[in-house]
Full PDB file with SEQRES, HELIX, SHEET, SSBOND, CRYST1, ORIGX, SCALE, CONECT and MASTER records, all heavy atoms in Angstrom:
SEQRES   1 A   41  GLN VAL GLY ASP ALA LEU LYS ILE ALA PRO LYS SER ILE          
SEQRES   2 A   41  PRO HIS VAL ARG ASN HIS LEU ARG ARG ALA LYS SER GLY          
SEQRES   3 A   41  PHE LYS VAL LEU ARG ASP LEU ARG ILE PRO VAL ARG ASP          
SEQRES   4 A   41  GLY SER                                                      
HELIX    1 AA1 VAL A    2  LEU A    6  1                                   5    
HELIX    2 AA2 ILE A   13  LYS A   24  1                                  12    
CRYST1    1.000    1.000    1.000  90.00  90.00  90.00 P 1           1          
ORIGX1      1.000000  0.000000  0.000000        0.00000                         
ORIGX2      0.000000  1.000000  0.000000        0.00000                         
ORIGX3      0.000000  0.000000  1.000000        0.00000                         
SCALE1      1.000000  0.000000  0.000000        0.00000                         
SCALE2      0.000000  1.000000  0.000000        0.00000                         
SCALE3      0.000000  0.000000  1.000000        0.00000                         
ATOM      1  N   GLN A   1      68.964 -66.520 -14.022  1.00  0.00           N  
ATOM      2  CA  GLN A   1      69.832 -66.582 -15.198  1.00  0.00           C  
ATOM      3  C   GLN A   1      69.348 -65.629 -16.294  1.00  0.00           C  
ATOM      4  O   GLN A   1      70.144 -64.905 -16.914  1.00  0.00           O  
ATOM      5  CB  GLN A   1      69.888 -68.018 -15.723  1.00  0.00           C  
ATOM      6  CG  GLN A   1      70.579 -68.984 -14.769  1.00  0.00           C  
ATOM      7  CD  GLN A   1      70.394 -70.444 -15.166  1.00  0.00           C  
ATOM      8  OE1 GLN A   1      69.367 -70.814 -15.748  1.00  0.00           O  
ATOM      9  NE2 GLN A   1      71.381 -71.282 -14.836  1.00  0.00           N  
ATOM     10  N   VAL A   2      68.024 -65.629 -16.530  1.00  0.00           N  
ATOM     11  CA  VAL A   2      67.453 -64.711 -17.523  1.00  0.00           C  
ATOM     12  C   VAL A   2      67.700 -63.269 -17.098  1.00  0.00           C  
ATOM     13  O   VAL A   2      68.084 -62.409 -17.901  1.00  0.00           O  
ATOM     14  CB  VAL A   2      65.945 -64.988 -17.708  1.00  0.00           C  
ATOM     15  CG1 VAL A   2      65.296 -63.889 -18.551  1.00  0.00           C  
ATOM     16  CG2 VAL A   2      65.727 -66.350 -18.342  1.00  0.00           C  
ATOM     17  N   GLY A   3      67.480 -62.998 -15.806  1.00  0.00           N  
ATOM     18  CA  GLY A   3      67.686 -61.643 -15.297  1.00  0.00           C  
ATOM     19  C   GLY A   3      69.117 -61.184 -15.425  1.00  0.00           C  
ATOM     20  O   GLY A   3      69.384 -60.028 -15.792  1.00  0.00           O  
ATOM     21  N   ASP A   4      70.062 -62.073 -15.135  1.00  0.00           N  
ATOM     22  CA  ASP A   4      71.475 -61.706 -15.281  1.00  0.00           C  
ATOM     23  C   ASP A   4      71.792 -61.357 -16.726  1.00  0.00           C  
ATOM     24  O   ASP A   4      72.529 -60.398 -17.008  1.00  0.00           O  
ATOM     25  CB  ASP A   4      72.369 -62.857 -14.815  1.00  0.00           C  
ATOM     26  CG  ASP A   4      72.360 -63.037 -13.302  1.00  0.00           C  
ATOM     27  OD1 ASP A   4      71.910 -62.103 -12.599  1.00  0.00           O  
ATOM     28  OD2 ASP A   4      72.784 -64.107 -12.830  1.00  0.00           O  
ATOM     29  N   ALA A   5      71.254 -62.127 -17.654  1.00  0.00           N  
ATOM     30  CA  ALA A   5      71.530 -61.879 -19.070  1.00  0.00           C  
ATOM     31  C   ALA A   5      70.923 -60.558 -19.535  1.00  0.00           C  
ATOM     32  O   ALA A   5      71.504 -59.856 -20.374  1.00  0.00           O  
ATOM     33  CB  ALA A   5      71.000 -63.040 -19.909  1.00  0.00           C  
ATOM     34  N   LEU A   6      69.742 -60.217 -18.985  1.00  0.00           N  
ATOM     35  CA  LEU A   6      69.054 -58.989 -19.401  1.00  0.00           C  
ATOM     36  C   LEU A   6      69.366 -57.811 -18.494  1.00  0.00           C  
ATOM     37  O   LEU A   6      68.888 -56.697 -18.740  1.00  0.00           O  
ATOM     38  CB  LEU A   6      67.533 -59.231 -19.410  1.00  0.00           C  
ATOM     39  CG  LEU A   6      67.007 -60.221 -20.447  1.00  0.00           C  
ATOM     40  CD1 LEU A   6      65.522 -60.487 -20.215  1.00  0.00           C  
ATOM     41  CD2 LEU A   6      67.246 -59.695 -21.859  1.00  0.00           C  
ATOM     42  N   LYS A   7      70.150 -58.066 -17.423  1.00  0.00           N  
ATOM     43  CA  LYS A   7      70.459 -57.038 -16.424  1.00  0.00           C  
ATOM     44  C   LYS A   7      69.186 -56.491 -15.792  1.00  0.00           C  
ATOM     45  O   LYS A   7      68.996 -55.279 -15.640  1.00  0.00           O  
ATOM     46  CB  LYS A   7      71.297 -55.916 -17.036  1.00  0.00           C  
ATOM     47  CG  LYS A   7      72.676 -56.381 -17.511  1.00  0.00           C  
ATOM     48  CD  LYS A   7      73.480 -55.233 -18.101  1.00  0.00           C  
ATOM     49  CE  LYS A   7      74.899 -55.682 -18.408  1.00  0.00           C  
ATOM     50  NZ  LYS A   7      74.987 -56.868 -19.281  1.00  0.00           N  
ATOM     51  N   ILE A   8      68.293 -57.421 -15.430  1.00  0.00           N  
ATOM     52  CA  ILE A   8      67.012 -57.096 -14.793  1.00  0.00           C  
ATOM     53  C   ILE A   8      66.844 -58.006 -13.584  1.00  0.00           C  
ATOM     54  O   ILE A   8      67.111 -59.209 -13.668  1.00  0.00           O  
ATOM     55  CB  ILE A   8      65.832 -57.300 -15.768  1.00  0.00           C  
ATOM     56  CG1 ILE A   8      65.925 -56.329 -16.942  1.00  0.00           C  
ATOM     57  CG2 ILE A   8      64.498 -57.115 -15.042  1.00  0.00           C  
ATOM     58  CD1 ILE A   8      64.875 -56.587 -18.007  1.00  0.00           C  
ATOM     59  N   ALA A   9      66.408 -57.440 -12.466  1.00  0.00           N  
ATOM     60  CA  ALA A   9      66.154 -58.251 -11.277  1.00  0.00           C  
ATOM     61  C   ALA A   9      64.804 -58.952 -11.419  1.00  0.00           C  
ATOM     62  O   ALA A   9      63.789 -58.297 -11.696  1.00  0.00           O  
ATOM     63  CB  ALA A   9      66.150 -57.379 -10.017  1.00  0.00           C  
ATOM     64  N   PRO A  10      64.751 -60.281 -11.264  1.00  0.00           N  
ATOM     65  CA  PRO A  10      63.459 -60.986 -11.360  1.00  0.00           C  
ATOM     66  C   PRO A  10      62.499 -60.530 -10.264  1.00  0.00           C  
ATOM     67  O   PRO A  10      62.908 -60.108  -9.181  1.00  0.00           O  
ATOM     68  CB  PRO A  10      63.850 -62.457 -11.168  1.00  0.00           C  
ATOM     69  CG  PRO A  10      65.319 -62.522 -11.412  1.00  0.00           C  
ATOM     70  CD  PRO A  10      65.874 -61.198 -11.009  1.00  0.00           C  
ATOM     71  N   LYS A  11      61.212 -60.643 -10.553  1.00  0.00           N  
ATOM     72  CA  LYS A  11      60.194 -60.280  -9.576  1.00  0.00           C  
ATOM     73  C   LYS A  11      59.998 -61.427  -8.577  1.00  0.00           C  
ATOM     74  O   LYS A  11      59.982 -62.601  -8.949  1.00  0.00           O  
ATOM     75  CB  LYS A  11      58.867 -59.974 -10.277  1.00  0.00           C  
ATOM     76  CG  LYS A  11      58.943 -58.821 -11.280  1.00  0.00           C  
ATOM     77  CD  LYS A  11      59.284 -57.501 -10.594  1.00  0.00           C  
ATOM     78  CE  LYS A  11      59.192 -56.310 -11.531  1.00  0.00           C  
ATOM     79  NZ  LYS A  11      60.225 -56.293 -12.578  1.00  0.00           N  
ATOM     80  N   SER A  12      59.808 -61.050  -7.326  1.00  0.00           N  
ATOM     81  CA  SER A  12      59.528 -62.048  -6.296  1.00  0.00           C  
ATOM     82  C   SER A  12      58.088 -62.532  -6.417  1.00  0.00           C  
ATOM     83  O   SER A  12      57.243 -61.887  -7.065  1.00  0.00           O  
ATOM     84  CB  SER A  12      59.741 -61.443  -4.906  1.00  0.00           C  
ATOM     85  OG  SER A  12      58.795 -60.412  -4.669  1.00  0.00           O  
ATOM     86  N   ILE A  13      57.809 -63.662  -5.795  1.00  0.00           N  
ATOM     87  CA  ILE A  13      56.435 -64.191  -5.823  1.00  0.00           C  
ATOM     88  C   ILE A  13      55.449 -63.210  -5.192  1.00  0.00           C  
ATOM     89  O   ILE A  13      54.376 -62.947  -5.764  1.00  0.00           O  
ATOM     90  CB  ILE A  13      56.382 -65.580  -5.154  1.00  0.00           C  
ATOM     91  CG1 ILE A  13      57.132 -66.596  -6.029  1.00  0.00           C  
ATOM     92  CG2 ILE A  13      54.942 -66.028  -4.936  1.00  0.00           C  
ATOM     93  CD1 ILE A  13      57.264 -67.966  -5.402  1.00  0.00           C  
ATOM     94  N   PRO A  14      55.740 -62.610  -4.008  1.00  0.00           N  
ATOM     95  CA  PRO A  14      54.802 -61.614  -3.476  1.00  0.00           C  
ATOM     96  C   PRO A  14      54.587 -60.435  -4.418  1.00  0.00           C  
ATOM     97  O   PRO A  14      53.466 -59.923  -4.533  1.00  0.00           O  
ATOM     98  CB  PRO A  14      55.467 -61.177  -2.169  1.00  0.00           C  
ATOM     99  CG  PRO A  14      56.292 -62.340  -1.753  1.00  0.00           C  
ATOM    100  CD  PRO A  14      56.811 -62.908  -3.044  1.00  0.00           C  
ATOM    101  N   HIS A  15      55.649 -59.985  -5.091  1.00  0.00           N  
ATOM    102  CA  HIS A  15      55.532 -58.872  -6.040  1.00  0.00           C  
ATOM    103  C   HIS A  15      54.539 -59.227  -7.148  1.00  0.00           C  
ATOM    104  O   HIS A  15      53.633 -58.440  -7.479  1.00  0.00           O  
ATOM    105  CB  HIS A  15      56.911 -58.583  -6.624  1.00  0.00           C  
ATOM    106  CG  HIS A  15      57.029 -57.266  -7.319  1.00  0.00           C  
ATOM    107  ND1 HIS A  15      58.215 -56.596  -7.447  1.00  0.00           N  
ATOM    108  CD2 HIS A  15      56.108 -56.491  -7.951  1.00  0.00           C  
ATOM    109  CE1 HIS A  15      58.027 -55.470  -8.110  1.00  0.00           C  
ATOM    110  NE2 HIS A  15      56.754 -55.385  -8.436  1.00  0.00           N  
ATOM    111  N   VAL A  16      54.697 -60.423  -7.709  1.00  0.00           N  
ATOM    112  CA  VAL A  16      53.803 -60.875  -8.779  1.00  0.00           C  
ATOM    113  C   VAL A  16      52.385 -61.040  -8.254  1.00  0.00           C  
ATOM    114  O   VAL A  16      51.405 -60.649  -8.912  1.00  0.00           O  
ATOM    115  CB  VAL A  16      54.335 -62.197  -9.371  1.00  0.00           C  
ATOM    116  CG1 VAL A  16      53.304 -62.833 -10.298  1.00  0.00           C  
ATOM    117  CG2 VAL A  16      55.632 -61.956 -10.115  1.00  0.00           C  
ATOM    118  N   ARG A  17      52.245 -61.602  -7.075  1.00  0.00           N  
ATOM    119  CA  ARG A  17      50.910 -61.808  -6.517  1.00  0.00           C  
ATOM    120  C   ARG A  17      50.209 -60.475  -6.280  1.00  0.00           C  
ATOM    121  O   ARG A  17      48.987 -60.359  -6.464  1.00  0.00           O  
ATOM    122  CB  ARG A  17      51.018 -62.614  -5.225  1.00  0.00           C  
ATOM    123  CG  ARG A  17      49.711 -63.225  -4.776  1.00  0.00           C  
ATOM    124  CD  ARG A  17      49.905 -64.459  -3.943  1.00  0.00           C  
ATOM    125  NE  ARG A  17      50.936 -64.285  -2.929  1.00  0.00           N  
ATOM    126  CZ  ARG A  17      51.721 -65.269  -2.495  1.00  0.00           C  
ATOM    127  NH1 ARG A  17      51.607 -66.484  -2.987  1.00  0.00           N  
ATOM    128  NH2 ARG A  17      52.635 -65.044  -1.572  1.00  0.00           N  
ATOM    129  N   ASN A  18      50.944 -59.449  -5.894  1.00  0.00           N  
ATOM    130  CA  ASN A  18      50.338 -58.127  -5.713  1.00  0.00           C  
ATOM    131  C   ASN A  18      49.793 -57.590  -7.031  1.00  0.00           C  
ATOM    132  O   ASN A  18      48.703 -57.009  -7.076  1.00  0.00           O  
ATOM    133  CB  ASN A  18      51.363 -57.156  -5.120  1.00  0.00           C  
ATOM    134  CG  ASN A  18      51.707 -57.469  -3.680  1.00  0.00           C  
ATOM    135  OD1 ASN A  18      50.884 -58.026  -2.948  1.00  0.00           O  
ATOM    136  ND2 ASN A  18      52.911 -57.115  -3.260  1.00  0.00           N  
ATOM    137  N   HIS A  19      50.560 -57.778  -8.115  1.00  0.00           N  
ATOM    138  CA  HIS A  19      50.058 -57.350  -9.428  1.00  0.00           C  
ATOM    139  C   HIS A  19      48.812 -58.148  -9.823  1.00  0.00           C  
ATOM    140  O   HIS A  19      47.840 -57.588 -10.358  1.00  0.00           O  
ATOM    141  CB  HIS A  19      51.135 -57.544 -10.495  1.00  0.00           C  
ATOM    142  CG  HIS A  19      52.204 -56.486 -10.485  1.00  0.00           C  
ATOM    143  ND1 HIS A  19      51.937 -55.161 -10.228  1.00  0.00           N  
ATOM    144  CD2 HIS A  19      53.546 -56.565 -10.721  1.00  0.00           C  
ATOM    145  CE1 HIS A  19      53.053 -54.466 -10.308  1.00  0.00           C  
ATOM    146  NE2 HIS A  19      54.057 -55.292 -10.601  1.00  0.00           N  
ATOM    147  N   LEU A  20      48.838 -59.452  -9.598  1.00  0.00           N  
ATOM    148  CA  LEU A  20      47.693 -60.289  -9.961  1.00  0.00           C  
ATOM    149  C   LEU A  20      46.464 -59.920  -9.141  1.00  0.00           C  
ATOM    150  O   LEU A  20      45.333 -59.936  -9.649  1.00  0.00           O  
ATOM    151  CB  LEU A  20      48.042 -61.762  -9.750  1.00  0.00           C  
ATOM    152  CG  LEU A  20      49.096 -62.354 -10.693  1.00  0.00           C  
ATOM    153  CD1 LEU A  20      49.431 -63.781 -10.289  1.00  0.00           C  
ATOM    154  CD2 LEU A  20      48.612 -62.312 -12.142  1.00  0.00           C  
ATOM    155  N   ARG A  21      46.673 -59.594  -7.889  1.00  0.00           N  
ATOM    156  CA  ARG A  21      45.545 -59.219  -7.025  1.00  0.00           C  
ATOM    157  C   ARG A  21      44.855 -57.972  -7.571  1.00  0.00           C  
ATOM    158  O   ARG A  21      43.621 -57.884  -7.600  1.00  0.00           O  
ATOM    159  CB  ARG A  21      46.064 -58.987  -5.600  1.00  0.00           C  
ATOM    160  CG  ARG A  21      44.983 -58.704  -4.574  1.00  0.00           C  
ATOM    161  CD  ARG A  21      45.586 -58.548  -3.186  1.00  0.00           C  
ATOM    162  NE  ARG A  21      46.111 -59.813  -2.679  1.00  0.00           N  
ATOM    163  CZ  ARG A  21      47.404 -60.080  -2.530  1.00  0.00           C  
ATOM    164  NH1 ARG A  21      48.311 -59.168  -2.856  1.00  0.00           N  
ATOM    165  NH2 ARG A  21      47.808 -61.249  -2.065  1.00  0.00           N  
ATOM    166  N   ARG A  22      45.647 -56.998  -7.988  1.00  0.00           N  
ATOM    167  CA  ARG A  22      45.055 -55.802  -8.585  1.00  0.00           C  
ATOM    168  C   ARG A  22      44.357 -56.139  -9.902  1.00  0.00           C  
ATOM    169  O   ARG A  22      43.254 -55.645 -10.177  1.00  0.00           O  
ATOM    170  CB  ARG A  22      46.138 -54.739  -8.795  1.00  0.00           C  
ATOM    171  CG  ARG A  22      46.537 -54.002  -7.529  1.00  0.00           C  
ATOM    172  CD  ARG A  22      47.522 -52.873  -7.815  1.00  0.00           C  
ATOM    173  NE  ARG A  22      48.846 -53.405  -8.097  1.00  0.00           N  
ATOM    174  CZ  ARG A  22      49.793 -53.601  -7.180  1.00  0.00           C  
ATOM    175  NH1 ARG A  22      49.549 -53.314  -5.909  1.00  0.00           N  
ATOM    176  NH2 ARG A  22      50.984 -54.073  -7.525  1.00  0.00           N  
ATOM    177  N   ALA A  23      45.002 -56.963 -10.727  1.00  0.00           N  
ATOM    178  CA  ALA A  23      44.392 -57.320 -12.013  1.00  0.00           C  
ATOM    179  C   ALA A  23      43.057 -58.024 -11.810  1.00  0.00           C  
ATOM    180  O   ALA A  23      42.099 -57.803 -12.566  1.00  0.00           O  
ATOM    181  CB  ALA A  23      45.349 -58.198 -12.810  1.00  0.00           C  
ATOM    182  N   LYS A  24      42.987 -58.884 -10.811  1.00  0.00           N  
ATOM    183  CA  LYS A  24      41.717 -59.558 -10.504  1.00  0.00           C  
ATOM    184  C   LYS A  24      40.616 -58.552 -10.176  1.00  0.00           C  
ATOM    185  O   LYS A  24      39.435 -58.787 -10.446  1.00  0.00           O  
ATOM    186  CB  LYS A  24      41.905 -60.505  -9.321  1.00  0.00           C  
ATOM    187  CG  LYS A  24      42.558 -61.829  -9.657  1.00  0.00           C  
ATOM    188  CD  LYS A  24      41.510 -62.850 -10.100  1.00  0.00           C  
ATOM    189  CE  LYS A  24      42.079 -64.228 -10.221  1.00  0.00           C  
ATOM    190  NZ  LYS A  24      41.072 -65.215 -10.677  1.00  0.00           N  
ATOM    191  N   SER A  25      41.010 -57.429  -9.574  1.00  0.00           N  
ATOM    192  CA  SER A  25      40.039 -56.393  -9.224  1.00  0.00           C  
ATOM    193  C   SER A  25      39.869 -55.356 -10.319  1.00  0.00           C  
ATOM    194  O   SER A  25      39.143 -54.373 -10.143  1.00  0.00           O  
ATOM    195  CB  SER A  25      40.467 -55.698  -7.919  1.00  0.00           C  
ATOM    196  OG  SER A  25      40.402 -56.597  -6.835  1.00  0.00           O  
ATOM    197  N   GLY A  26      40.583 -55.538 -11.449  1.00  0.00           N  
ATOM    198  CA  GLY A  26      40.355 -54.685 -12.608  1.00  0.00           C  
ATOM    199  C   GLY A  26      41.199 -53.441 -12.679  1.00  0.00           C  
ATOM    200  O   GLY A  26      40.808 -52.469 -13.329  1.00  0.00           O  
ATOM    201  N   PHE A  27      42.397 -53.444 -12.058  1.00  0.00           N  
ATOM    202  CA  PHE A  27      43.229 -52.250 -12.191  1.00  0.00           C  
ATOM    203  C   PHE A  27      44.706 -52.613 -12.095  1.00  0.00           C  
ATOM    204  O   PHE A  27      45.073 -53.769 -11.868  1.00  0.00           O  
ATOM    205  CB  PHE A  27      42.836 -51.188 -11.163  1.00  0.00           C  
ATOM    206  CG  PHE A  27      43.147 -51.502  -9.717  1.00  0.00           C  
ATOM    207  CD1 PHE A  27      44.235 -50.934  -9.072  1.00  0.00           C  
ATOM    208  CD2 PHE A  27      42.310 -52.328  -8.968  1.00  0.00           C  
ATOM    209  CE1 PHE A  27      44.511 -51.201  -7.740  1.00  0.00           C  
ATOM    210  CE2 PHE A  27      42.570 -52.594  -7.629  1.00  0.00           C  
ATOM    211  CZ  PHE A  27      43.685 -52.027  -7.017  1.00  0.00           C  
ATOM    212  N   LYS A  28      45.543 -51.615 -12.295  1.00  0.00           N  
ATOM    213  CA  LYS A  28      46.993 -51.811 -12.295  1.00  0.00           C  
ATOM    214  C   LYS A  28      47.653 -50.601 -11.648  1.00  0.00           C  
ATOM    215  O   LYS A  28      47.016 -49.570 -11.403  1.00  0.00           O  
ATOM    216  CB  LYS A  28      47.510 -51.983 -13.720  1.00  0.00           C  
ATOM    217  CG  LYS A  28      47.315 -50.745 -14.598  1.00  0.00           C  
ATOM    218  CD  LYS A  28      47.815 -50.967 -16.018  1.00  0.00           C  
ATOM    219  CE  LYS A  28      47.589 -49.737 -16.889  1.00  0.00           C  
ATOM    220  NZ  LYS A  28      48.066 -49.929 -18.266  1.00  0.00           N  
ATOM    221  N   VAL A  29      48.968 -50.717 -11.380  1.00  0.00           N  
ATOM    222  CA  VAL A  29      49.713 -49.614 -10.783  1.00  0.00           C  
ATOM    223  C   VAL A  29      50.881 -49.232 -11.676  1.00  0.00           C  
ATOM    224  O   VAL A  29      51.527 -50.082 -12.290  1.00  0.00           O  
ATOM    225  CB  VAL A  29      50.218 -49.977  -9.368  1.00  0.00           C  
ATOM    226  CG1 VAL A  29      51.201 -51.148  -9.400  1.00  0.00           C  
ATOM    227  CG2 VAL A  29      50.854 -48.767  -8.692  1.00  0.00           C  
ATOM    228  N   LEU A  30      51.126 -47.942 -11.763  1.00  0.00           N  
ATOM    229  CA  LEU A  30      52.315 -47.383 -12.394  1.00  0.00           C  
ATOM    230  C   LEU A  30      53.139 -46.778 -11.266  1.00  0.00           C  
ATOM    231  O   LEU A  30      52.685 -45.829 -10.602  1.00  0.00           O  
ATOM    232  CB  LEU A  30      51.966 -46.300 -13.418  1.00  0.00           C  
ATOM    233  CG  LEU A  30      51.322 -46.698 -14.748  1.00  0.00           C  
ATOM    234  CD1 LEU A  30      50.004 -47.436 -14.577  1.00  0.00           C  
ATOM    235  CD2 LEU A  30      51.120 -45.468 -15.617  1.00  0.00           C  
ATOM    236  N   ARG A  31      54.311 -47.320 -11.013  1.00  0.00           N  
ATOM    237  CA  ARG A  31      55.089 -46.942  -9.841  1.00  0.00           C  
ATOM    238  C   ARG A  31      56.046 -45.773 -10.113  1.00  0.00           C  
ATOM    239  O   ARG A  31      56.688 -45.697 -11.162  1.00  0.00           O  
ATOM    240  CB  ARG A  31      55.933 -48.124  -9.362  1.00  0.00           C  
ATOM    241  CG  ARG A  31      55.152 -49.289  -8.787  1.00  0.00           C  
ATOM    242  CD  ARG A  31      54.646 -48.984  -7.407  1.00  0.00           C  
ATOM    243  NE  ARG A  31      54.127 -50.182  -6.741  1.00  0.00           N  
ATOM    244  CZ  ARG A  31      53.239 -50.163  -5.770  1.00  0.00           C  
ATOM    245  NH1 ARG A  31      52.775 -49.012  -5.329  1.00  0.00           N  
ATOM    246  NH2 ARG A  31      52.822 -51.283  -5.222  1.00  0.00           N  
ATOM    247  N   ASP A  32      56.114 -44.891  -9.130  1.00  0.00           N  
ATOM    248  CA  ASP A  32      57.153 -43.861  -9.051  1.00  0.00           C  
ATOM    249  C   ASP A  32      57.303 -43.045 -10.324  1.00  0.00           C  
ATOM    250  O   ASP A  32      58.411 -42.843 -10.834  1.00  0.00           O  
ATOM    251  CB  ASP A  32      58.495 -44.495  -8.664  1.00  0.00           C  
ATOM    252  CG  ASP A  32      58.485 -45.030  -7.234  1.00  0.00           C  
ATOM    253  OD1 ASP A  32      57.969 -44.329  -6.351  1.00  0.00           O  
ATOM    254  OD2 ASP A  32      58.979 -46.156  -7.015  1.00  0.00           O  
ATOM    255  N   LEU A  33      56.180 -42.566 -10.853  1.00  0.00           N  
ATOM    256  CA  LEU A  33      56.246 -41.638 -11.973  1.00  0.00           C  
ATOM    257  C   LEU A  33      56.787 -40.298 -11.494  1.00  0.00           C  
ATOM    258  O   LEU A  33      56.437 -39.819 -10.418  1.00  0.00           O  
ATOM    259  CB  LEU A  33      54.861 -41.443 -12.590  1.00  0.00           C  
ATOM    260  CG  LEU A  33      54.176 -42.674 -13.180  1.00  0.00           C  
ATOM    261  CD1 LEU A  33      52.922 -42.253 -13.937  1.00  0.00           C  
ATOM    262  CD2 LEU A  33      55.106 -43.459 -14.087  1.00  0.00           C  
ATOM    263  N   ARG A  34      57.628 -39.692 -12.300  1.00  0.00           N  
ATOM    264  CA  ARG A  34      58.161 -38.373 -11.951  1.00  0.00           C  
ATOM    265  C   ARG A  34      57.150 -37.303 -12.349  1.00  0.00           C  
ATOM    266  O   ARG A  34      56.886 -37.100 -13.542  1.00  0.00           O  
ATOM    267  CB  ARG A  34      59.495 -38.131 -12.651  1.00  0.00           C  
ATOM    268  CG  ARG A  34      60.629 -38.972 -12.102  1.00  0.00           C  
ATOM    269  CD  ARG A  34      61.964 -38.459 -12.613  1.00  0.00           C  
ATOM    270  NE  ARG A  34      63.079 -39.151 -11.981  1.00  0.00           N  
ATOM    271  CZ  ARG A  34      64.334 -38.708 -11.998  1.00  0.00           C  
ATOM    272  NH1 ARG A  34      64.628 -37.584 -12.638  1.00  0.00           N  
ATOM    273  NH2 ARG A  34      65.288 -39.389 -11.401  1.00  0.00           N  
ATOM    274  N   ILE A  35      56.635 -36.615 -11.369  1.00  0.00           N  
ATOM    275  CA  ILE A  35      55.668 -35.545 -11.611  1.00  0.00           C  
ATOM    276  C   ILE A  35      56.419 -34.223 -11.515  1.00  0.00           C  
ATOM    277  O   ILE A  35      56.933 -33.865 -10.445  1.00  0.00           O  
ATOM    278  CB  ILE A  35      54.529 -35.613 -10.586  1.00  0.00           C  
ATOM    279  CG1 ILE A  35      53.815 -36.971 -10.687  1.00  0.00           C  
ATOM    280  CG2 ILE A  35      53.552 -34.456 -10.786  1.00  0.00           C  
ATOM    281  CD1 ILE A  35      52.772 -37.199  -9.605  1.00  0.00           C  
ATOM    282  N   PRO A  36      56.543 -33.490 -12.618  1.00  0.00           N  
ATOM    283  CA  PRO A  36      57.342 -32.251 -12.605  1.00  0.00           C  
ATOM    284  C   PRO A  36      56.680 -31.161 -11.765  1.00  0.00           C  
ATOM    285  O   PRO A  36      55.451 -31.046 -11.720  1.00  0.00           O  
ATOM    286  CB  PRO A  36      57.398 -31.859 -14.081  1.00  0.00           C  
ATOM    287  CG  PRO A  36      56.185 -32.497 -14.694  1.00  0.00           C  
ATOM    288  CD  PRO A  36      55.946 -33.763 -13.935  1.00  0.00           C  
ATOM    289  N   VAL A  37      57.488 -30.368 -11.084  1.00  0.00           N  
ATOM    290  CA  VAL A  37      57.000 -29.244 -10.294  1.00  0.00           C  
ATOM    291  C   VAL A  37      57.697 -27.967 -10.746  1.00  0.00           C  
ATOM    292  O   VAL A  37      58.677 -28.003 -11.497  1.00  0.00           O  
ATOM    293  CB  VAL A  37      57.202 -29.486  -8.783  1.00  0.00           C  
ATOM    294  CG1 VAL A  37      56.359 -30.675  -8.332  1.00  0.00           C  
ATOM    295  CG2 VAL A  37      58.670 -29.732  -8.443  1.00  0.00           C  
ATOM    296  N   ARG A  38      57.207 -26.862 -10.297  1.00  0.00           N  
ATOM    297  CA  ARG A  38      57.523 -25.560 -10.892  1.00  0.00           C  
ATOM    298  C   ARG A  38      58.994 -25.146 -10.811  1.00  0.00           C  
ATOM    299  O   ARG A  38      59.452 -24.343 -11.621  1.00  0.00           O  
ATOM    300  CB  ARG A  38      56.656 -24.481 -10.245  1.00  0.00           C  
ATOM    301  CG  ARG A  38      56.919 -24.252  -8.765  1.00  0.00           C  
ATOM    302  CD  ARG A  38      55.857 -23.385  -8.139  1.00  0.00           C  
ATOM    303  NE  ARG A  38      54.570 -24.070  -8.121  1.00  0.00           N  
ATOM    304  CZ  ARG A  38      53.450 -23.535  -7.640  1.00  0.00           C  
ATOM    305  NH1 ARG A  38      53.466 -22.321  -7.124  1.00  0.00           N  
ATOM    306  NH2 ARG A  38      52.319 -24.210  -7.655  1.00  0.00           N  
ATOM    307  N   ASP A  39      59.747 -25.651  -9.835  1.00  0.00           N  
ATOM    308  CA  ASP A  39      61.140 -25.228  -9.723  1.00  0.00           C  
ATOM    309  C   ASP A  39      62.090 -26.133 -10.498  1.00  0.00           C  
ATOM    310  O   ASP A  39      63.311 -26.056 -10.324  1.00  0.00           O  
ATOM    311  CB  ASP A  39      61.565 -25.139  -8.258  1.00  0.00           C  
ATOM    312  CG  ASP A  39      61.575 -26.493  -7.555  1.00  0.00           C  
ATOM    313  OD1 ASP A  39      61.218 -27.499  -8.196  1.00  0.00           O  
ATOM    314  OD2 ASP A  39      61.917 -26.534  -6.351  1.00  0.00           O  
ATOM    315  N   GLY A  40      61.539 -27.008 -11.357  1.00  0.00           N  
ATOM    316  CA  GLY A  40      62.364 -27.891 -12.158  1.00  0.00           C  
ATOM    317  C   GLY A  40      62.649 -29.228 -11.523  1.00  0.00           C  
ATOM    318  O   GLY A  40      63.273 -30.093 -12.146  1.00  0.00           O  
ATOM    319  N   SER A  41      62.199 -29.415 -10.298  1.00  0.00           N  
ATOM    320  CA  SER A  41      62.397 -30.690  -9.623  1.00  0.00           C  
ATOM    321  C   SER A  41      61.193 -31.593  -9.898  1.00  0.00           C  
ATOM    322  O   SER A  41      60.455 -31.388 -10.866  1.00  0.00           O  
ATOM    323  CB  SER A  41      62.584 -30.467  -8.121  1.00  0.00           C  
ATOM    324  OG  SER A  41      62.938 -31.672  -7.473  1.00  0.00           O  
TER     325      SER A  41                                                      
MASTER        0    0    0    2    0    0    0    6  324    1    0    4          
END                                                                             
């Protein structure tokens, strides 16, 4: 319901657990950053 109101898909339990597992080990992930390359792509 919250996700529908905010137009955001809620995170699944495995998704959250993966983030917590990394946090327990002292790090985090930034997903799918766009890294620019020389031809503009």
